[in-house]
Amino acid sequence: MNRGRNALSVEDVLSMWDDIQVEEEVDAESSFSESSEDENIPPPPPAAAAAAAASSGLRGDQSEAQPPLRRKKKAPSSGPTLAVEWKTEMDVDIAPPPLRFRPLKTPGIQVDTTVQHTPGELFKLFFSPAVVRQVCNTTNLYAAVNAVDKSYKWVDVDLTEFYHFLGVLQYTGLVKLPCVEDYWSTDPVLNSSFPRSVMPRARFQALLWNLHLSDLVVDHTNDLQKGTPHHNRVHRAQPLLDHMRVACKSAYHPRRELAVDERMVATKAKTGITQYMKNKPTKWGMKLFVLADSSNGYTVDFTVYCGKTGGTSEKGLSYDAVMNLVQPAVFGTGYHVYVDNFYSSPTLFHDLVTLNIGACGTYREGRKGCPPSRGLLTRKTPRGTLRWLRHGKLVFVKWMDTREVSMCSTIHAAHGGEIAKRRVKSRDGSLRTIEVPCPLPVVAYNKYMGGVDRSDQLIQYYTTHRRLSRPYRTLFLHCFDIASTNAYILHVELAKARQQRALTHKAFILQLVKELCEVESSGVPLKRQTSHLPVPCIEQPGDISNRATVGRKRCQLCADRGIRTDTPWKCEACDVPLCLQLSRNCFREWHV
């Protein structure tokens, strides 16, 4: 007998029956009554299977060979389901007892507020004369070894000249030009007379090429340890990094709200610690973990991520990063720390609570210890819908905005009647403002999490960062940017304490450049008349008969203009050959 077009096979009947059994089990488990009508459904009669086999054209022995019908057993659950424990905004949540704020110092600036401090004095809180003198010593030792066979003659740098170098360096952050050579260009479009009035281009580049921060003997010892856990990848910048961390914490004590986040120092050099972060504006660079004051963006502390060196604890890198930055022995207790989902974990938050430090941040669904919430909120869930779950002092909050938001906190209650305003599009295409309920952790997170971002924004305004040949010099420039930015924040805090009007960021940097370069308000160097004097290129010619040609050198200013001119004169301070004639006075033009 031929099979009909609409005939069912035995496999189809068995599949339909299994689906019915599974639906019965689900209905039975979701029912709250002791009896269910589903239990009274009789099993299928044997005649039904025989009729199906006959209509499908199968032989009797083939239908009997099919496996017997059995009820499917429910698969064992992988763990306890906590979805029934999630509560709504109709349920009242009580926040944990507030932490008592006990800072070790009075929060704020740690300098005398009764005295007027100039931008240069605030900057020297971070780049003190002792630190600059140490950098001068290591730079001179490095240049004595590496600048022997170079085309330029090295002269040891002293404290005053290095501050001038820092002033010109800050000027390059204030006035943006494509490359360093353009600041000394004589082209009418690119002409900048200020840098050449402070130091020659060759001298500035020589200082930048030979800048060194660590001891050469220790460098050699550290290089021999490559490939071992004892090797320090940022050793050549470590002395300055250690000093900057101490100086940042000494000049300012943070207020209660703190933020921890990553910062990228742009570089694509093969340093061994170069990272890629696709969600950052600067995607390639050296990664820093930064602790910042949320009220003003002051960089309180930071550490450089050196890659997988084997020093990470069992609790993970993100846990160690926060614990290394937030230290009660340094700052005190009662602080509130805000982090993003890279750092948030129940383990970290519970351990911070034991240190009397509160924490708040977004979290990832798959993080160990976080409650499962799959399907709790969907795309069709109305905006403003709230679900929360409390485990002791730690509360988990799920909130629906344009997309699902997951928060956890040991500081706040789940909700407190806060309202968030959102602009939505109406059916006619117009925008209107609506109010949706917003959880307390979300409100606090949006208010205080931007401390590191604000610090990054201030640094980028007048950054001195540029591409250099050595990664530790890139870190030097970043430390310089941190120092100038923190000095400006201290200036603003001092102005508030003294009830004065603070300088703008641009005016502050401009004044800092003048103080570091020791120039007057008009931009004229203070020591120009006594330090820049014309002297012969050679002190005493051996033969007096050829004194008109011996010792002559190529004029630097004429060379910049593409003209070959020899001169017997040079500047005593700049050590640059310059023409000094009745018809052409390159000496004067160079120093104007």
Protein backbone atom coordinates (compact mmCIF):
# COMPACT_ATOMS: atom_id res chain seq x y z
CA MET A 1 0.00 0.00 0.00
CA ASN A 2 1.40 3.35 -0.97
CA ARG A 3 2.11 6.01 1.65
CA GLY A 4 -0.25 8.97 1.54
CA ARG A 5 1.09 12.45 1.14
CA ASN A 6 -0.15 13.43 4.63
CA ALA A 7 0.64 10.12 6.37
CA LEU A 8 2.67 10.23 9.62
CA SER A 9 5.59 7.99 10.34
CA VAL A 10 6.28 6.29 13.66
CA GLU A 11 9.14 8.70 14.29
CA ASP A 12 6.73 11.63 13.87
CA VAL A 13 4.26 10.13 16.35
CA LEU A 14 6.99 9.45 18.90
CA SER A 15 8.35 12.98 18.54
CA MET A 16 4.89 14.48 19.02
CA TRP A 17 4.33 12.33 22.09
CA ASP A 18 7.67 13.34 23.63
CA ASP A 19 6.82 17.00 23.15
CA ILE A 20 3.52 16.46 24.94
CA GLN A 21 5.33 14.75 27.84
CA VAL A 22 7.86 17.59 28.19
CA GLU A 23 5.06 20.17 28.20
CA GLU A 24 3.31 18.17 30.91
CA GLU A 25 6.44 18.20 33.08
CA VAL A 26 6.89 21.96 32.71
CA ASP A 27 3.24 22.61 33.52
CA ALA A 28 3.42 20.29 36.52
CA GLU A 29 6.52 22.04 37.93
CA SER A 30 5.13 25.54 37.44
CA SER A 31 1.76 24.70 39.05
CA PHE A 32 1.21 25.60 42.73
CA SER A 33 -1.76 23.14 43.25
CA GLU A 34 -1.35 19.65 44.67
CA SER A 35 -3.21 18.00 41.79
CA SER A 36 -3.15 18.70 38.10
CA GLU A 37 -5.40 17.72 35.25
CA ASP A 38 -2.30 16.78 33.26
CA GLU A 39 -1.74 13.77 35.53
CA ASN A 40 -5.04 12.25 34.30
CA ILE A 41 -4.00 12.13 30.64
CA PRO A 42 -4.00 8.42 29.70
CA PRO A 43 -1.07 6.85 27.87
CA PRO A 44 -1.55 6.33 24.13
CA PRO A 45 -3.34 3.10 23.24
CA PRO A 46 -1.34 0.48 21.40
CA ALA A 47 -3.88 0.60 18.57
CA ALA A 48 -2.81 4.15 17.73
CA ALA A 49 0.74 3.09 17.04
CA ALA A 50 -0.45 0.09 15.03
CA ALA A 51 -2.77 2.25 12.94
CA ALA A 52 0.02 4.71 12.27
CA ALA A 53 2.30 1.90 11.20
CA ALA A 54 -0.33 0.45 8.90
CA SER A 55 -1.06 3.81 7.28
CA SER A 56 2.64 4.43 6.68
CA GLY A 57 3.07 1.15 4.85
CA LEU A 58 5.53 -0.37 7.36
CA ARG A 59 5.57 -4.02 8.20
CA GLY A 60 4.53 -5.21 11.61
CA ASP A 61 8.02 -6.37 12.60
CA GLN A 62 9.44 -2.93 11.77
CA SER A 63 6.96 -1.14 14.00
CA GLU A 64 7.57 -3.59 16.82
CA ALA A 65 11.32 -2.96 16.57
CA GLN A 66 10.89 0.64 17.67
CA PRO A 67 12.04 1.40 21.25
CA PRO A 68 9.31 1.51 23.90
CA LEU A 69 7.85 4.88 24.87
CA ARG A 70 9.38 6.33 28.05
CA ARG A 71 8.94 9.56 29.94
CA LYS A 72 11.90 11.86 29.53
CA LYS A 73 13.65 12.62 32.75
CA LYS A 74 14.40 16.26 33.52
CA ALA A 75 18.07 17.08 33.21
CA PRO A 76 19.70 17.83 36.56
CA SER A 77 20.24 21.52 37.24
CA SER A 78 23.81 22.81 37.13
CA GLY A 79 23.29 24.86 40.29
CA PRO A 80 20.72 26.60 42.45
CA THR A 81 18.49 28.95 40.51
CA LEU A 82 18.27 32.35 42.18
CA ALA A 83 15.90 33.97 39.71
CA VAL A 84 13.00 33.68 42.16
CA GLU A 85 14.99 35.72 44.70
CA TRP A 86 15.27 38.82 42.52
CA LYS A 87 13.08 41.59 43.88
CA THR A 88 11.42 44.57 42.25
CA GLU A 89 11.22 48.28 42.99
CA MET A 90 8.11 47.55 45.06
CA ASP A 91 10.29 45.77 47.62
CA VAL A 92 12.08 47.93 50.17
CA ASP A 93 15.87 47.68 50.40
CA ILE A 94 17.89 48.95 53.34
CA ALA A 95 21.39 50.22 52.65
CA PRO A 96 24.27 48.91 54.80
CA PRO A 97 25.44 51.16 57.65
CA PRO A 98 27.47 54.09 56.29
CA LEU A 99 31.22 53.80 56.59
CA ARG A 100 32.95 56.23 58.89
CA PHE A 101 35.32 58.40 56.87
CA ARG A 102 38.72 58.47 58.60
CA PRO A 103 41.44 59.87 56.29
CA LEU A 104 44.98 59.92 57.62
CA LYS A 105 45.35 63.56 56.49
CA THR A 106 42.98 66.41 55.94
CA PRO A 107 41.63 65.92 52.41
CA GLY A 108 42.83 68.49 49.92
CA ILE A 109 46.09 70.25 49.11
CA GLN A 110 49.00 69.65 51.48
CA VAL A 111 50.78 73.01 51.06
CA ASP A 112 50.42 76.26 52.95
CA THR A 113 47.24 77.91 51.70
CA THR A 114 48.11 81.27 53.26
CA VAL A 115 51.04 81.77 50.87
CA GLN A 116 50.76 82.59 47.18
CA HIS A 117 52.28 79.79 45.06
CA THR A 118 53.36 80.39 41.48
CA PRO A 119 52.88 77.74 38.76
CA GLY A 120 56.62 77.03 38.79
CA GLU A 121 56.63 76.41 42.53
CA LEU A 122 53.69 74.02 42.28
CA PHE A 123 55.35 72.17 39.41
CA LYS A 124 58.56 71.75 41.43
CA LEU A 125 56.58 69.82 44.04
CA PHE A 126 56.76 66.97 41.51
CA PHE A 127 60.01 67.79 39.68
CA SER A 128 62.01 69.01 42.66
CA PRO A 129 65.62 70.24 42.30
CA ALA A 130 66.87 67.04 43.96
CA VAL A 131 65.11 64.87 41.37
CA VAL A 132 66.22 67.05 38.46
CA ARG A 133 69.80 67.00 39.72
CA GLN A 134 69.71 63.20 39.81
CA VAL A 135 68.37 63.10 36.24
CA CYS A 136 71.18 65.45 35.18
CA ASN A 137 73.79 63.12 36.70
CA THR A 138 72.43 59.98 35.02
CA THR A 139 72.06 61.84 31.71
CA ASN A 140 75.66 63.09 31.84
CA LEU A 141 76.96 59.58 32.56
CA TYR A 142 74.89 58.12 29.74
CA ALA A 143 76.05 60.79 27.28
CA ALA A 144 79.69 60.30 28.27
CA VAL A 145 79.43 56.72 27.04
CA ASN A 146 77.06 57.05 24.08
CA ALA A 147 77.79 60.53 22.69
CA VAL A 148 81.50 59.99 22.02
CA ASP A 149 81.25 59.17 18.32
CA LYS A 150 78.30 61.44 17.57
CA SER A 151 78.33 64.41 15.24
CA TYR A 152 77.73 66.83 18.13
CA LYS A 153 79.89 67.73 21.08
CA TRP A 154 78.34 66.89 24.43
CA VAL A 155 78.48 69.38 27.30
CA ASP A 156 77.28 68.30 30.72
CA VAL A 157 73.86 69.63 31.62
CA ASP A 158 73.27 71.37 34.95
CA LEU A 159 70.17 72.09 37.03
CA THR A 160 69.35 75.46 35.45
CA GLU A 161 69.73 74.27 31.89
CA PHE A 162 67.60 71.20 32.49
CA TYR A 163 64.76 73.38 33.81
CA HIS A 164 65.13 75.42 30.62
CA PHE A 165 64.88 72.18 28.68
CA LEU A 166 61.67 71.33 30.54
CA GLY A 167 60.32 74.79 29.78
CA VAL A 168 60.91 74.39 26.04
CA LEU A 169 59.41 70.90 26.28
CA GLN A 170 56.25 72.37 27.82
CA TYR A 171 56.23 75.01 25.09
CA THR A 172 56.00 72.22 22.49
CA GLY A 173 52.82 71.08 24.25
CA LEU A 174 51.42 74.62 24.23
CA VAL A 175 52.26 75.37 20.57
CA LYS A 176 51.70 72.34 18.32
CA LEU A 177 54.03 71.86 15.34
CA PRO A 178 54.62 68.69 13.30
CA CYS A 179 58.19 67.98 14.45
CA VAL A 180 60.82 69.28 16.85
CA GLU A 181 62.92 70.94 14.13
CA ASP A 182 60.00 73.21 13.19
CA TYR A 183 60.26 75.10 16.49
CA TRP A 184 63.64 76.45 15.34
CA SER A 185 62.62 76.94 11.72
CA THR A 186 63.34 80.30 10.09
CA ASP A 187 60.49 79.89 7.65
CA PRO A 188 58.11 82.86 8.02
CA VAL A 189 55.15 80.53 8.46
CA LEU A 190 56.74 78.30 11.12
CA ASN A 191 59.03 80.88 12.70
CA SER A 192 59.03 80.62 16.50
CA SER A 193 61.56 82.93 18.09
CA PHE A 194 61.00 81.82 21.67
CA PRO A 195 62.68 78.37 21.63
CA ARG A 196 65.89 79.68 20.03
CA SER A 197 66.04 82.45 22.63
CA VAL A 198 66.24 79.78 25.34
CA MET A 199 68.55 77.20 23.76
CA PRO A 200 69.71 76.09 20.31
CA ARG A 201 67.96 73.34 18.46
CA ALA A 202 71.06 71.12 18.49
CA ARG A 203 71.32 71.40 22.26
CA PHE A 204 67.64 70.60 22.81
CA GLN A 205 67.85 67.54 20.60
CA ALA A 206 71.07 66.41 22.27
CA LEU A 207 69.35 66.57 25.67
CA LEU A 208 66.35 64.69 24.33
CA TRP A 209 68.52 61.99 22.71
CA ASN A 210 70.65 61.42 25.81
CA LEU A 211 67.94 61.72 28.46
CA HIS A 212 68.45 58.88 30.96
CA LEU A 213 66.82 58.18 34.31
CA SER A 214 68.60 55.19 35.90
CA ASP A 215 72.06 54.04 36.85
CA LEU A 216 74.04 52.39 34.05
CA VAL A 217 75.47 49.63 36.25
CA VAL A 218 72.03 48.64 37.52
CA ASP A 219 70.75 48.76 33.93
CA HIS A 220 73.35 46.20 32.90
CA THR A 221 72.47 43.93 35.81
CA ASN A 222 68.77 44.12 34.97
CA ASP A 223 69.44 43.37 31.29
CA LEU A 224 71.24 40.16 32.24
CA GLN A 225 68.04 38.96 33.96
CA LYS A 226 65.86 39.05 30.82
CA GLY A 227 63.60 36.03 30.62
CA THR A 228 63.53 35.58 34.41
CA PRO A 229 60.91 36.73 36.95
CA HIS A 230 63.46 39.20 38.37
CA HIS A 231 63.65 41.26 35.17
CA ASN A 232 61.96 44.67 35.38
CA ARG A 233 60.70 45.84 31.99
CA VAL A 234 60.37 49.48 33.11
CA HIS A 235 63.59 49.58 35.08
CA ARG A 236 65.05 52.56 33.21
CA ALA A 237 62.04 54.68 34.17
CA GLN A 238 61.53 53.16 37.63
CA PRO A 239 63.37 55.86 39.67
CA LEU A 240 61.21 58.62 38.23
CA LEU A 241 58.02 56.54 38.48
CA ASP A 242 58.67 55.84 42.16
CA HIS A 243 59.32 59.51 42.86
CA MET A 244 56.19 60.62 41.01
CA ARG A 245 53.99 58.22 42.96
CA VAL A 246 55.33 59.57 46.26
CA ALA A 247 55.08 63.20 45.14
CA CYS A 248 51.48 62.83 43.95
CA LYS A 249 50.40 61.42 47.29
CA SER A 250 52.42 63.96 49.29
CA ALA A 251 51.14 67.12 47.60
CA TYR A 252 47.45 66.22 47.79
CA HIS A 253 45.29 63.93 49.93
CA PRO A 254 42.18 62.66 48.10
CA ARG A 255 38.61 63.25 49.10
CA ARG A 256 36.17 60.44 49.78
CA GLU A 257 35.15 59.44 46.25
CA LEU A 258 37.88 57.74 44.18
CA ALA A 259 37.93 56.15 40.73
CA VAL A 260 40.15 53.36 39.37
CA ASP A 261 40.54 52.89 35.63
CA GLU A 262 43.09 52.21 32.88
CA ARG A 263 45.09 54.84 31.01
CA MET A 264 46.98 54.29 27.78
CA VAL A 265 50.31 56.00 27.00
CA ALA A 266 50.42 55.91 23.22
CA THR A 267 53.20 53.87 21.62
CA LYS A 268 53.51 51.04 19.12
CA ALA A 269 57.10 50.22 20.01
CA LYS A 270 57.99 46.61 20.73
CA THR A 271 58.48 47.13 24.44
CA GLY A 272 57.20 43.80 25.72
CA ILE A 273 54.50 45.67 27.66
CA THR A 274 52.65 47.29 24.75
CA GLN A 275 48.94 46.53 24.98
CA TYR A 276 45.94 46.82 22.66
CA MET A 277 42.58 48.00 24.04
CA LYS A 278 39.90 48.38 21.39
CA ASN A 279 37.51 50.36 23.61
CA LYS A 280 40.02 53.11 24.42
CA PRO A 281 40.61 56.26 22.32
CA THR A 282 44.32 55.37 22.40
CA LYS A 283 44.23 51.72 21.39
CA TRP A 284 47.97 50.92 21.33
CA GLY A 285 50.29 51.81 24.17
CA MET A 286 51.58 51.11 27.64
CA LYS A 287 48.74 50.51 30.09
CA LEU A 288 48.62 52.23 33.46
CA PHE A 289 46.25 51.50 36.33
CA VAL A 290 45.32 54.93 37.72
CA LEU A 291 43.72 56.06 40.98
CA ALA A 292 42.17 59.53 40.64
CA ASP A 293 40.13 61.87 42.81
CA SER A 294 36.62 61.95 41.35
CA SER A 295 36.02 65.56 42.41
CA ASN A 296 38.75 67.17 40.30
CA GLY A 297 40.64 64.50 38.30
CA TYR A 298 43.86 64.68 40.34
CA THR A 299 46.10 61.67 39.67
CA VAL A 300 46.65 60.26 43.15
CA ASP A 301 48.58 57.10 42.26
CA PHE A 302 49.34 54.85 39.30
CA THR A 303 51.15 51.66 38.36
CA VAL A 304 52.50 50.47 35.01
CA TYR A 305 51.25 47.11 33.78
CA CYS A 306 54.31 45.05 32.85
CA GLY A 307 52.52 42.05 31.32
CA LYS A 308 52.28 38.51 32.59
CA THR A 309 55.32 38.38 34.82
CA GLY A 310 54.07 35.65 37.15
CA GLY A 311 53.49 38.02 40.06
CA THR A 312 49.69 37.96 39.85
CA SER A 313 47.91 36.45 42.84
CA GLU A 314 45.24 33.75 42.69
CA LYS A 315 42.51 36.39 42.76
CA GLY A 316 43.48 37.89 39.42
CA LEU A 317 45.07 40.96 37.88
CA SER A 318 42.07 43.26 38.34
CA TYR A 319 41.89 42.40 42.05
CA ASP A 320 45.60 43.10 42.56
CA ALA A 321 45.44 46.39 40.63
CA VAL A 322 42.78 47.85 42.93
CA MET A 323 44.35 46.51 46.11
CA ASN A 324 47.76 47.96 45.19
CA LEU A 325 46.28 51.41 44.59
CA VAL A 326 43.76 51.65 47.44
CA GLN A 327 45.83 51.23 50.59
CA PRO A 328 44.28 52.11 53.98
CA ALA A 329 47.77 52.51 55.46
CA VAL A 330 48.39 55.39 53.05
CA PHE A 331 45.00 57.08 52.72
CA GLY A 332 42.88 55.90 55.64
CA THR A 333 39.47 54.21 55.71
CA GLY A 334 35.91 55.02 54.78
CA TYR A 335 36.65 55.78 51.11
CA HIS A 336 34.27 54.99 48.25
CA VAL A 337 35.93 53.39 45.23
CA TYR A 338 34.23 53.30 41.82
CA VAL A 339 35.37 50.78 39.20
CA ASP A 340 34.14 49.36 35.91
CA ASN A 341 33.29 45.76 35.04
CA PHE A 342 36.95 44.80 34.49
CA TYR A 343 37.60 45.10 38.23
CA SER A 344 34.22 44.39 39.87
CA SER A 345 33.87 41.03 41.59
CA PRO A 346 32.18 39.86 44.81
CA THR A 347 35.60 38.81 46.14
CA LEU A 348 37.07 42.28 45.69
CA PHE A 349 34.05 44.06 47.13
CA HIS A 350 33.88 41.81 50.20
CA ASP A 351 37.61 42.21 50.87
CA LEU A 352 37.32 45.98 50.56
CA VAL A 353 34.49 45.96 53.07
CA THR A 354 36.74 44.14 55.55
CA LEU A 355 39.16 47.07 55.11
CA ASN A 356 36.31 49.51 55.80
CA ILE A 357 36.26 50.72 52.19
CA GLY A 358 33.10 50.83 50.09
CA ALA A 359 32.94 49.97 46.40
CA CYS A 360 30.53 50.42 43.52
CA GLY A 361 30.70 49.49 39.86
CA THR A 362 29.32 47.61 36.91
CA TYR A 363 29.89 43.86 36.74
CA ARG A 364 30.03 41.10 34.15
CA GLU A 365 27.43 38.36 34.09
CA GLY A 366 29.88 35.49 34.00
CA ARG A 367 32.06 36.72 36.88
CA LYS A 368 32.50 34.14 39.64
CA GLY A 369 30.14 34.74 42.55
CA CYS A 370 27.63 36.87 40.63
CA PRO A 371 24.04 35.56 40.64
CA PRO A 372 22.61 34.16 37.38
CA SER A 373 20.06 36.41 35.70
CA ARG A 374 19.57 35.08 32.18
CA GLY A 375 16.20 36.11 30.83
CA LEU A 376 15.48 38.38 33.79
CA LEU A 377 15.32 41.45 31.54
CA THR A 378 14.74 41.30 27.78
CA ARG A 379 14.65 43.79 24.95
CA LYS A 380 10.91 44.08 25.33
CA THR A 381 11.20 44.99 29.02
CA PRO A 382 10.00 48.58 29.59
CA ARG A 383 12.65 51.20 30.26
CA GLY A 384 13.13 51.84 33.97
CA THR A 385 12.37 48.27 35.06
CA LEU A 386 14.40 47.35 38.15
CA ARG A 387 15.40 44.03 39.71
CA TRP A 388 17.71 43.68 42.69
CA LEU A 389 19.18 41.05 44.95
CA ARG A 390 21.06 41.54 48.22
CA HIS A 391 23.68 39.25 49.72
CA GLY A 392 24.68 40.80 53.03
CA LYS A 393 26.26 44.21 52.37
CA LEU A 394 26.55 43.55 48.64
CA VAL A 395 23.58 44.40 46.45
CA PHE A 396 23.20 43.40 42.78
CA VAL A 397 21.01 45.62 40.62
CA LYS A 398 19.66 44.99 37.11
CA TRP A 399 18.18 48.04 35.42
CA MET A 400 16.74 48.47 31.95
CA ASP A 401 17.70 51.64 30.10
CA THR A 402 18.33 51.61 26.35
CA ARG A 403 19.98 48.30 27.22
CA GLU A 404 20.48 46.23 30.33
CA VAL A 405 22.71 47.71 33.07
CA SER A 406 24.27 45.50 35.76
CA MET A 407 25.55 47.16 38.94
CA CYS A 408 26.78 46.02 42.33
CA SER A 409 27.58 48.08 45.40
CA THR A 410 28.44 47.83 49.08
CA ILE A 411 27.56 51.51 49.66
CA HIS A 412 24.04 52.12 48.44
CA ALA A 413 20.55 50.74 48.65
CA ALA A 414 19.09 49.25 45.48
CA HIS A 415 16.73 52.16 44.89
CA GLY A 416 15.67 55.34 46.58
CA GLY A 417 13.22 57.12 44.30
CA GLU A 418 15.85 58.67 42.01
CA ILE A 419 14.71 59.78 38.57
CA ALA A 420 16.67 59.85 35.30
CA LYS A 421 15.62 62.01 32.35
CA ARG A 422 15.75 60.53 28.88
CA ARG A 423 14.91 61.99 25.47
CA VAL A 424 12.86 59.69 23.28
CA LYS A 425 11.37 60.08 19.83
CA SER A 426 7.60 60.27 19.49
CA ARG A 427 5.60 58.72 16.70
CA ASP A 428 5.53 62.01 14.82
CA GLY A 429 9.34 62.20 14.93
CA SER A 430 9.64 64.89 17.63
CA LEU A 431 11.79 64.48 20.73
CA ARG A 432 10.31 64.56 24.16
CA THR A 433 11.75 64.16 27.65
CA ILE A 434 10.53 61.39 29.91
CA GLU A 435 11.40 60.46 33.48
CA VAL A 436 12.29 56.91 34.40
CA PRO A 437 13.18 55.51 37.85
CA CYS A 438 16.92 55.05 38.29
CA PRO A 439 18.74 52.94 40.94
CA LEU A 440 21.01 54.69 43.43
CA PRO A 441 24.19 52.78 42.37
CA VAL A 442 23.70 53.93 38.76
CA VAL A 443 23.30 57.57 39.83
CA ALA A 444 26.43 57.47 41.99
CA TYR A 445 28.44 55.61 39.34
CA ASN A 446 27.64 58.19 36.66
CA LYS A 447 28.62 60.98 39.03
CA TYR A 448 31.93 59.69 40.39
CA MET A 449 33.36 57.18 37.91
CA GLY A 450 34.77 59.84 35.56
CA GLY A 451 37.77 60.84 37.71
CA VAL A 452 40.38 59.13 35.51
CA ASP A 453 38.64 60.28 32.32
CA ARG A 454 38.73 63.86 33.54
CA SER A 455 42.43 63.52 34.32
CA ASP A 456 43.07 62.14 30.82
CA GLN A 457 41.17 65.04 29.31
CA LEU A 458 43.24 67.65 31.16
CA ILE A 459 46.48 65.91 30.19
CA GLN A 460 45.58 65.82 26.50
CA TYR A 461 45.02 69.58 26.27
CA TYR A 462 48.73 70.49 26.49
CA THR A 463 50.48 67.13 26.34
CA THR A 464 54.17 66.95 25.46
CA HIS A 465 53.85 63.40 24.16
CA ARG A 466 55.64 62.65 20.91
CA ARG A 467 57.22 59.66 19.26
CA LEU A 468 60.61 58.83 20.79
CA SER A 469 63.15 56.08 20.28
CA ARG A 470 63.08 54.75 23.85
CA PRO A 471 59.94 53.69 25.77
CA TYR A 472 61.30 54.96 29.09
CA ARG A 473 61.57 58.45 27.58
CA THR A 474 57.91 58.17 26.57
CA LEU A 475 57.13 57.42 30.22
CA PHE A 476 59.24 60.44 31.19
CA LEU A 477 57.07 62.67 29.02
CA HIS A 478 53.94 61.19 30.56
CA CYS A 479 55.26 61.83 34.08
CA PHE A 480 55.97 65.39 32.97
CA ASP A 481 52.35 65.72 31.80
CA ILE A 482 51.07 64.33 35.11
CA ALA A 483 53.19 66.85 36.99
CA SER A 484 51.98 69.88 35.01
CA THR A 485 48.33 68.74 35.16
CA ASN A 486 48.41 68.00 38.88
CA ALA A 487 50.11 71.34 39.47
CA TYR A 488 47.25 73.09 37.67
CA ILE A 489 44.67 71.21 39.78
CA LEU A 490 46.54 72.30 42.92
CA HIS A 491 46.44 75.89 41.63
CA VAL A 492 42.66 75.68 41.25
CA GLU A 493 42.28 74.21 44.74
CA LEU A 494 44.48 76.96 46.20
CA ALA A 495 42.42 79.63 44.47
CA LYS A 496 39.24 78.16 46.00
CA ALA A 497 40.81 78.06 49.45
CA ARG A 498 41.98 81.67 49.14
CA GLN A 499 38.70 82.73 47.49
CA GLN A 500 40.54 84.02 44.44
CA ARG A 501 40.01 83.64 40.76
CA ALA A 502 42.12 80.85 39.29
CA LEU A 503 44.06 81.11 36.05
CA THR A 504 42.77 79.30 33.02
CA HIS A 505 44.59 76.13 32.04
CA LYS A 506 46.23 77.88 29.10
CA ALA A 507 47.35 80.87 31.18
CA PHE A 508 48.75 78.51 33.81
CA ILE A 509 50.83 76.58 31.26
CA LEU A 510 52.04 79.83 29.69
CA GLN A 511 53.20 81.14 33.05
CA LEU A 512 54.85 77.81 33.82
CA VAL A 513 56.86 77.99 30.58
CA LYS A 514 58.10 81.48 31.48
CA GLU A 515 59.18 80.44 34.97
CA LEU A 516 60.96 77.29 33.85
CA CYS A 517 62.81 79.14 31.08
CA GLU A 518 63.52 82.14 33.36
CA VAL A 519 62.17 84.76 31.01
CA GLU A 520 60.42 88.04 31.71
CA SER A 521 56.74 88.58 31.11
CA SER A 522 57.62 89.91 27.66
CA GLY A 523 59.44 86.65 26.83
CA VAL A 524 62.98 88.09 26.96
CA PRO A 525 65.47 85.84 28.79
CA LEU A 526 66.62 87.36 32.07
CA LYS A 527 70.29 86.55 31.51
CA ARG A 528 70.51 87.20 27.80
CA GLN A 529 72.82 90.23 27.98
CA THR A 530 75.45 88.53 30.16
CA SER A 531 75.29 84.91 29.03
CA HIS A 532 75.05 85.14 25.21
CA LEU A 533 78.30 86.80 24.08
CA PRO A 534 80.21 86.41 20.79
CA VAL A 535 83.56 84.67 21.21
CA PRO A 536 86.04 83.24 18.66
CA CYS A 537 85.46 79.69 17.53
CA ILE A 538 89.13 78.97 18.32
CA GLU A 539 90.80 80.60 21.31
CA GLN A 540 94.42 80.98 20.13
CA PRO A 541 95.42 80.32 16.51
CA GLY A 542 98.78 78.62 16.20
CA ASP A 543 99.99 80.60 13.21
CA ILE A 544 99.11 84.29 13.14
CA SER A 545 99.48 84.43 9.38
CA ASN A 546 96.33 82.38 8.72
CA ARG A 547 94.18 83.81 11.48
CA ALA A 548 91.65 85.02 8.90
CA THR A 549 90.66 81.47 7.92
CA VAL A 550 91.73 79.14 10.75
CA GLY A 551 89.01 77.93 13.12
CA ARG A 552 86.13 79.05 10.94
CA LYS A 553 82.88 77.09 11.18
CA ARG A 554 79.68 77.03 9.22
CA CYS A 555 77.10 79.57 10.43
CA GLN A 556 74.12 77.73 11.88
CA LEU A 557 71.51 80.32 10.90
CA CYS A 558 72.80 80.52 7.33
CA ALA A 559 72.82 76.73 7.15
CA ASP A 560 69.15 76.66 8.15
CA ARG A 561 68.49 78.98 5.23
CA GLY A 562 70.42 76.77 2.80
CA ILE A 563 73.43 79.12 2.52
CA ARG A 564 77.01 78.04 3.07
CA THR A 565 78.83 80.73 5.10
CA ASP A 566 81.86 80.31 7.36
CA THR A 567 82.41 82.48 10.42
CA PRO A 568 85.08 82.75 13.12
CA TRP A 569 82.51 83.73 15.75
CA LYS A 570 80.20 81.68 17.97
CA CYS A 571 77.87 82.27 20.94
CA GLU A 572 79.55 81.55 24.24
CA ALA A 573 76.37 80.24 25.93
CA CYS A 574 74.79 78.46 22.97
CA ASP A 575 78.09 77.18 21.49
CA VAL A 576 76.66 77.83 18.00
CA PRO A 577 78.71 79.40 15.17
CA LEU A 578 77.05 82.59 13.94
CA CYS A 579 77.93 85.35 11.50
CA LEU A 580 78.91 88.74 12.92
CA GLN A 581 79.51 91.19 10.08
CA LEU A 582 78.52 94.71 9.14
CA SER A 583 76.34 93.48 6.28
CA ARG A 584 74.92 90.40 8.00
CA ASN A 585 74.40 89.97 11.76
CA CYS A 586 73.20 86.40 12.25
CA PHE A 587 74.21 86.60 15.90
CA ARG A 588 71.52 89.15 16.63
CA GLU A 589 68.84 87.40 14.54
CA TRP A 590 69.51 84.09 16.31
CA HIS A 591 68.86 85.55 19.77
CA VAL A 592 65.94 87.86 18.97
